[in-house]
Amino acid sequence: MVSVVQNVAIDCADAYELARFWSGVTGRPPHPESRPGDGETQVPLAEGLMPYFNQVPEAKTVKNRIHLCLRPQISRDQEVERLLGLGATFVADHRDPDGSGWAVLADPEGNEFCVLRGESEWTAMDS
């Protein structure tokens, strides 16, 4: 017998609002029963692990030990700009001149995540 990973839990101060941000990131709506003020909610994805948002009383104080890594359908730089427009903040730049690497952003509550090379950039570097 083994366990199956169901979701990735993200602690936050406002579960509904953070789910709305991640809904914009993923292009998928928050759970249809989600309402402002809910202490927990999720963003069901078409595939992969589901982000689950859990309201907690304590604030984030240190760097995440586990984080999400995104592979955009558009270029990494275009996705970084799009996410900044949604309310993310730029944390660190680990992009290399050869196109490899990643950018570290944070969601509106300070949870870090990475933006990897876009799918077409990944394919182009492998050829």
N, C-alpha and C. Protein backbone atom coordinates (compact mmCIF):
# COMPACT_ATOMS: atom_id res chain seq x y z
N MET A 1 0.84 -1.18 0.00
CA MET A 1 0.00 0.00 0.00
C MET A 1 0.89 1.25 0.00
N VAL A 2 0.45 2.25 -0.73
CA VAL A 2 1.17 3.51 -0.79
C VAL A 2 0.18 4.65 -0.64
N SER A 3 0.69 5.83 -0.40
CA SER A 3 -0.15 7.02 -0.35
C SER A 3 -0.08 7.76 -1.67
N VAL A 4 -1.15 8.44 -2.02
CA VAL A 4 -1.21 9.28 -3.21
C VAL A 4 -1.26 10.73 -2.75
N VAL A 5 -0.41 11.58 -3.30
CA VAL A 5 -0.42 12.99 -2.93
C VAL A 5 -1.65 13.63 -3.57
N GLN A 6 -2.53 14.17 -2.75
CA GLN A 6 -3.80 14.73 -3.19
C GLN A 6 -3.67 16.19 -3.62
N ASN A 7 -2.97 16.99 -2.81
CA ASN A 7 -2.88 18.41 -3.10
C ASN A 7 -1.63 18.99 -2.47
N VAL A 8 -1.39 20.26 -2.76
CA VAL A 8 -0.34 21.03 -2.12
C VAL A 8 -1.04 22.08 -1.28
N ALA A 9 -0.84 22.01 0.04
CA ALA A 9 -1.50 22.95 0.95
C ALA A 9 -0.66 24.22 1.08
N ILE A 10 -1.33 25.35 0.98
CA ILE A 10 -0.68 26.65 1.09
C ILE A 10 -1.36 27.42 2.21
N ASP A 11 -0.64 27.65 3.30
CA ASP A 11 -1.18 28.43 4.41
C ASP A 11 -1.28 29.89 3.99
N CYS A 12 -2.30 30.56 4.48
CA CYS A 12 -2.51 31.95 4.07
C CYS A 12 -3.42 32.67 5.06
N ALA A 13 -3.50 33.99 4.91
CA ALA A 13 -4.36 34.81 5.75
C ALA A 13 -5.77 34.90 5.17
N ASP A 14 -5.91 34.81 3.85
CA ASP A 14 -7.21 34.93 3.19
C ASP A 14 -7.29 33.89 2.07
N ALA A 15 -7.88 32.75 2.40
CA ALA A 15 -7.92 31.62 1.47
C ALA A 15 -8.63 31.97 0.17
N TYR A 16 -9.75 32.65 0.25
CA TYR A 16 -10.52 32.97 -0.95
C TYR A 16 -9.73 33.89 -1.88
N GLU A 17 -9.15 34.95 -1.33
CA GLU A 17 -8.42 35.90 -2.17
C GLU A 17 -7.17 35.28 -2.76
N LEU A 18 -6.46 34.44 -2.00
CA LEU A 18 -5.28 33.81 -2.56
C LEU A 18 -5.66 32.81 -3.63
N ALA A 19 -6.77 32.12 -3.45
CA ALA A 19 -7.27 31.20 -4.49
C ALA A 19 -7.61 31.99 -5.76
N ARG A 20 -8.16 33.18 -5.61
CA ARG A 20 -8.47 34.01 -6.78
C ARG A 20 -7.18 34.37 -7.54
N PHE A 21 -6.11 34.72 -6.81
CA PHE A 21 -4.84 35.01 -7.46
C PHE A 21 -4.37 33.79 -8.24
N TRP A 22 -4.33 32.62 -7.59
CA TRP A 22 -3.84 31.41 -8.25
C TRP A 22 -4.77 30.95 -9.35
N SER A 23 -6.03 31.31 -9.28
CA SER A 23 -6.95 31.05 -10.38
C SER A 23 -6.49 31.82 -11.62
N GLY A 24 -6.08 33.07 -11.42
CA GLY A 24 -5.55 33.87 -12.53
C GLY A 24 -4.25 33.29 -13.08
N VAL A 25 -3.41 32.76 -12.19
CA VAL A 25 -2.15 32.15 -12.61
C VAL A 25 -2.42 30.93 -13.49
N THR A 26 -3.31 30.06 -13.04
CA THR A 26 -3.53 28.78 -13.72
C THR A 26 -4.60 28.83 -14.80
N GLY A 27 -5.41 29.89 -14.82
CA GLY A 27 -6.50 29.97 -15.79
C GLY A 27 -7.65 29.03 -15.44
N ARG A 28 -7.67 28.54 -14.22
CA ARG A 28 -8.73 27.63 -13.76
C ARG A 28 -9.50 28.32 -12.64
N PRO A 29 -10.82 28.17 -12.59
CA PRO A 29 -11.60 28.85 -11.56
C PRO A 29 -11.41 28.21 -10.18
N PRO A 30 -11.59 29.01 -9.13
CA PRO A 30 -11.60 28.43 -7.79
C PRO A 30 -12.76 27.41 -7.69
N HIS A 31 -12.71 26.59 -6.67
CA HIS A 31 -13.79 25.61 -6.45
C HIS A 31 -15.13 26.34 -6.51
N PRO A 32 -16.13 25.78 -7.20
CA PRO A 32 -17.40 26.49 -7.39
C PRO A 32 -18.15 26.83 -6.11
N GLU A 33 -17.85 26.16 -5.02
CA GLU A 33 -18.53 26.48 -3.75
C GLU A 33 -17.75 27.49 -2.91
N SER A 34 -16.63 28.00 -3.42
CA SER A 34 -15.81 28.96 -2.68
C SER A 34 -16.52 30.30 -2.56
N ARG A 35 -16.40 30.89 -1.39
CA ARG A 35 -17.00 32.20 -1.11
C ARG A 35 -16.02 33.06 -0.31
N PRO A 36 -16.12 34.40 -0.43
CA PRO A 36 -15.28 35.27 0.41
C PRO A 36 -15.49 34.91 1.88
N GLY A 37 -14.39 34.88 2.62
CA GLY A 37 -14.45 34.55 4.04
C GLY A 37 -14.28 33.08 4.36
N ASP A 38 -14.32 32.22 3.35
CA ASP A 38 -14.11 30.79 3.59
C ASP A 38 -12.71 30.58 4.17
N GLY A 39 -12.60 29.68 5.13
CA GLY A 39 -11.32 29.38 5.76
C GLY A 39 -10.45 28.45 4.95
N GLU A 40 -11.03 27.80 3.95
CA GLU A 40 -10.27 26.93 3.07
C GLU A 40 -10.96 26.84 1.73
N THR A 41 -10.16 26.68 0.70
CA THR A 41 -10.68 26.48 -0.65
C THR A 41 -9.58 25.89 -1.51
N GLN A 42 -9.89 25.64 -2.75
CA GLN A 42 -8.92 25.05 -3.66
C GLN A 42 -9.17 25.54 -5.08
N VAL A 43 -8.20 25.29 -5.94
CA VAL A 43 -8.34 25.59 -7.36
C VAL A 43 -8.17 24.26 -8.10
N PRO A 44 -9.27 23.62 -8.48
CA PRO A 44 -9.15 22.35 -9.20
C PRO A 44 -8.48 22.55 -10.56
N LEU A 45 -7.44 21.80 -10.81
CA LEU A 45 -6.71 21.89 -12.06
C LEU A 45 -7.10 20.75 -13.00
N ALA A 46 -6.83 20.90 -14.27
CA ALA A 46 -7.13 19.85 -15.24
C ALA A 46 -6.25 18.63 -15.01
N GLU A 47 -5.03 18.87 -14.52
CA GLU A 47 -4.10 17.78 -14.24
C GLU A 47 -3.12 18.23 -13.18
N GLY A 48 -2.43 17.31 -12.57
CA GLY A 48 -1.43 17.64 -11.56
C GLY A 48 -2.03 17.86 -10.19
N LEU A 49 -1.17 18.23 -9.26
CA LEU A 49 -1.61 18.46 -7.89
C LEU A 49 -2.50 19.69 -7.79
N MET A 50 -3.47 19.63 -6.91
CA MET A 50 -4.40 20.73 -6.73
C MET A 50 -3.89 21.66 -5.63
N PRO A 51 -3.78 22.97 -5.90
CA PRO A 51 -3.44 23.90 -4.82
C PRO A 51 -4.63 24.06 -3.86
N TYR A 52 -4.37 23.88 -2.59
CA TYR A 52 -5.38 23.95 -1.53
C TYR A 52 -4.96 25.07 -0.59
N PHE A 53 -5.84 26.00 -0.32
CA PHE A 53 -5.53 27.19 0.47
C PHE A 53 -6.21 27.08 1.83
N ASN A 54 -5.41 27.18 2.87
CA ASN A 54 -5.87 26.99 4.23
C ASN A 54 -5.55 28.24 5.05
N GLN A 55 -6.59 28.89 5.56
CA GLN A 55 -6.42 30.10 6.34
C GLN A 55 -5.84 29.75 7.71
N VAL A 56 -4.75 30.44 8.09
CA VAL A 56 -4.11 30.23 9.38
C VAL A 56 -3.90 31.58 10.06
N PRO A 57 -3.80 31.59 11.39
CA PRO A 57 -3.67 32.87 12.09
C PRO A 57 -2.28 33.49 12.02
N GLU A 58 -1.24 32.67 11.87
CA GLU A 58 0.12 33.21 11.88
C GLU A 58 0.54 33.68 10.49
N ALA A 59 1.39 34.70 10.47
CA ALA A 59 1.89 35.25 9.21
C ALA A 59 3.09 34.43 8.73
N LYS A 60 3.36 34.49 7.44
CA LYS A 60 4.55 33.85 6.87
C LYS A 60 5.78 34.61 7.37
N THR A 61 6.81 33.87 7.79
CA THR A 61 7.99 34.54 8.34
C THR A 61 9.30 34.16 7.66
N VAL A 62 9.37 33.00 7.01
CA VAL A 62 10.62 32.57 6.38
C VAL A 62 10.35 32.03 4.98
N LYS A 63 11.43 31.77 4.25
CA LYS A 63 11.33 31.22 2.90
C LYS A 63 10.62 29.87 2.94
N ASN A 64 9.81 29.62 1.92
CA ASN A 64 9.14 28.32 1.78
C ASN A 64 10.17 27.21 1.65
N ARG A 65 9.93 26.07 2.28
CA ARG A 65 10.77 24.89 2.08
C ARG A 65 10.25 24.06 0.90
N ILE A 66 8.97 24.17 0.61
CA ILE A 66 8.35 23.54 -0.54
C ILE A 66 7.68 24.66 -1.33
N HIS A 67 7.82 24.62 -2.65
CA HIS A 67 7.20 25.66 -3.46
C HIS A 67 6.75 25.09 -4.79
N LEU A 68 5.93 25.84 -5.48
CA LEU A 68 5.45 25.45 -6.80
C LEU A 68 6.43 25.96 -7.86
N CYS A 69 6.60 25.17 -8.91
CA CYS A 69 7.38 25.58 -10.08
C CYS A 69 6.44 25.55 -11.28
N LEU A 70 6.35 26.64 -11.99
CA LEU A 70 5.44 26.77 -13.12
C LEU A 70 6.19 26.67 -14.44
N ARG A 71 5.65 25.92 -15.39
CA ARG A 71 6.18 25.90 -16.75
C ARG A 71 5.10 26.54 -17.63
N PRO A 72 5.30 27.79 -18.03
CA PRO A 72 4.27 28.49 -18.80
C PRO A 72 4.15 28.00 -20.24
N GLN A 73 2.99 28.27 -20.83
CA GLN A 73 2.77 27.97 -22.24
C GLN A 73 3.41 29.04 -23.12
N ILE A 74 3.59 30.24 -22.57
CA ILE A 74 4.26 31.33 -23.27
C ILE A 74 5.70 31.39 -22.77
N SER A 75 6.47 32.36 -23.22
CA SER A 75 7.86 32.46 -22.77
C SER A 75 7.90 32.78 -21.28
N ARG A 76 9.00 32.39 -20.66
CA ARG A 76 9.18 32.66 -19.22
C ARG A 76 9.07 34.15 -18.94
N ASP A 77 9.73 34.98 -19.73
CA ASP A 77 9.72 36.42 -19.47
C ASP A 77 8.32 37.02 -19.65
N GLN A 78 7.59 36.55 -20.65
CA GLN A 78 6.21 37.02 -20.82
C GLN A 78 5.36 36.60 -19.64
N GLU A 79 5.56 35.38 -19.15
CA GLU A 79 4.78 34.90 -18.00
C GLU A 79 5.13 35.67 -16.74
N VAL A 80 6.39 35.97 -16.54
CA VAL A 80 6.78 36.78 -15.38
C VAL A 80 6.04 38.11 -15.41
N GLU A 81 6.03 38.77 -16.56
CA GLU A 81 5.32 40.05 -16.67
C GLU A 81 3.83 39.89 -16.41
N ARG A 82 3.22 38.84 -16.93
CA ARG A 82 1.80 38.59 -16.72
C ARG A 82 1.51 38.39 -15.23
N LEU A 83 2.34 37.61 -14.56
CA LEU A 83 2.12 37.32 -13.15
C LEU A 83 2.34 38.56 -12.28
N LEU A 84 3.30 39.38 -12.64
CA LEU A 84 3.50 40.65 -11.92
C LEU A 84 2.25 41.51 -12.05
N GLY A 85 1.63 41.48 -13.22
CA GLY A 85 0.38 42.22 -13.43
C GLY A 85 -0.78 41.69 -12.61
N LEU A 86 -0.73 40.41 -12.25
CA LEU A 86 -1.78 39.82 -11.41
C LEU A 86 -1.58 40.12 -9.93
N GLY A 87 -0.40 40.63 -9.56
CA GLY A 87 -0.15 40.95 -8.16
C GLY A 87 1.03 40.22 -7.54
N ALA A 88 1.76 39.42 -8.32
CA ALA A 88 2.96 38.77 -7.80
C ALA A 88 4.05 39.82 -7.63
N THR A 89 5.06 39.49 -6.82
CA THR A 89 6.23 40.36 -6.68
C THR A 89 7.47 39.58 -7.10
N PHE A 90 8.46 40.30 -7.62
CA PHE A 90 9.71 39.69 -8.07
C PHE A 90 10.61 39.50 -6.87
N VAL A 91 11.14 38.29 -6.68
CA VAL A 91 11.99 37.97 -5.53
C VAL A 91 13.45 37.80 -5.93
N ALA A 92 13.72 36.97 -6.95
CA ALA A 92 15.11 36.69 -7.33
C ALA A 92 15.17 36.26 -8.79
N ASP A 93 16.30 36.58 -9.41
CA ASP A 93 16.51 36.25 -10.82
C ASP A 93 17.60 35.20 -10.93
N HIS A 94 17.23 34.01 -11.36
CA HIS A 94 18.18 32.91 -11.56
C HIS A 94 18.20 32.50 -13.04
N ARG A 95 17.88 33.47 -13.94
CA ARG A 95 17.90 33.21 -15.37
C ARG A 95 19.33 33.35 -15.87
N ASP A 96 19.73 32.45 -16.75
CA ASP A 96 21.08 32.45 -17.30
C ASP A 96 21.07 32.97 -18.73
N PRO A 97 22.21 33.51 -19.20
CA PRO A 97 22.28 34.04 -20.57
C PRO A 97 21.92 33.02 -21.64
N ASP A 98 22.14 31.73 -21.39
CA ASP A 98 21.82 30.71 -22.39
C ASP A 98 20.33 30.34 -22.42
N GLY A 99 19.52 31.00 -21.58
CA GLY A 99 18.09 30.74 -21.56
C GLY A 99 17.65 29.77 -20.48
N SER A 100 18.59 29.11 -19.83
CA SER A 100 18.22 28.21 -18.74
C SER A 100 17.92 29.02 -17.48
N GLY A 101 17.60 28.33 -16.42
CA GLY A 101 17.34 29.00 -15.16
C GLY A 101 15.87 29.32 -14.94
N TRP A 102 15.61 30.15 -13.95
CA TRP A 102 14.24 30.45 -13.54
C TRP A 102 14.18 31.81 -12.85
N ALA A 103 12.98 32.30 -12.70
CA ALA A 103 12.72 33.53 -11.93
C ALA A 103 11.90 33.13 -10.71
N VAL A 104 12.23 33.74 -9.57
CA VAL A 104 11.48 33.49 -8.35
C VAL A 104 10.56 34.68 -8.10
N LEU A 105 9.27 34.39 -7.96
CA LEU A 105 8.28 35.40 -7.64
C LEU A 105 7.61 35.00 -6.33
N ALA A 106 6.79 35.89 -5.79
CA ALA A 106 5.99 35.58 -4.61
C ALA A 106 4.55 35.98 -4.89
N ASP A 107 3.62 35.19 -4.37
CA ASP A 107 2.20 35.53 -4.51
C ASP A 107 1.87 36.69 -3.56
N PRO A 108 0.66 37.22 -3.58
CA PRO A 108 0.33 38.38 -2.75
C PRO A 108 0.52 38.18 -1.24
N GLU A 109 0.64 36.92 -0.78
CA GLU A 109 0.89 36.68 0.64
C GLU A 109 2.34 36.31 0.93
N GLY A 110 3.21 36.43 -0.09
CA GLY A 110 4.63 36.21 0.12
C GLY A 110 5.12 34.80 -0.09
N ASN A 111 4.26 33.88 -0.56
CA ASN A 111 4.68 32.50 -0.84
C ASN A 111 5.46 32.47 -2.15
N GLU A 112 6.73 32.02 -2.08
CA GLU A 112 7.58 32.01 -3.26
C GLU A 112 7.18 30.89 -4.22
N PHE A 113 7.40 31.15 -5.50
CA PHE A 113 7.23 30.14 -6.54
C PHE A 113 8.17 30.48 -7.69
N CYS A 114 8.49 29.48 -8.49
CA CYS A 114 9.42 29.66 -9.60
C CYS A 114 8.69 29.66 -10.93
N VAL A 115 9.21 30.43 -11.86
CA VAL A 115 8.74 30.40 -13.24
C VAL A 115 9.89 29.87 -14.08
N LEU A 116 9.68 28.69 -14.64
CA LEU A 116 10.68 28.02 -15.45
C LEU A 116 10.58 28.49 -16.91
N ARG A 117 11.47 28.00 -17.75
CA ARG A 117 11.36 28.29 -19.18
C ARG A 117 10.02 27.81 -19.70
N GLY A 118 9.48 28.55 -20.66
CA GLY A 118 8.23 28.16 -21.30
C GLY A 118 8.41 26.87 -22.09
N GLU A 119 7.31 26.24 -22.40
CA GLU A 119 7.35 24.97 -23.13
C GLU A 119 8.11 25.09 -24.44
N SER A 120 7.85 26.17 -25.21
CA SER A 120 8.54 26.32 -26.50
C SER A 120 10.03 26.61 -26.29
N GLU A 121 10.39 27.34 -25.24
CA GLU A 121 11.80 27.62 -24.94
C GLU A 121 12.52 26.33 -24.54
N TRP A 122 11.84 25.49 -23.81
CA TRP A 122 12.40 24.21 -23.37
C TRP A 122 12.70 23.34 -24.58
N THR A 123 11.73 23.26 -25.49
CA THR A 123 11.88 22.45 -26.70
C THR A 123 13.02 23.00 -27.57
N ALA A 124 13.10 24.32 -27.72
CA ALA A 124 14.13 24.94 -28.55
C ALA A 124 15.53 24.67 -28.02
N MET A 125 15.70 24.66 -26.70
CA MET A 125 17.02 24.44 -26.12
C MET A 125 17.44 22.98 -26.25
N ASP A 126 16.48 22.08 -26.32
CA ASP A 126 16.80 20.66 -26.44
C ASP A 126 17.14 20.24 -27.87
N SER A 127 16.84 21.12 -28.86
CA SER A 127 17.11 20.72 -30.25
C SER A 127 18.49 21.14 -30.69
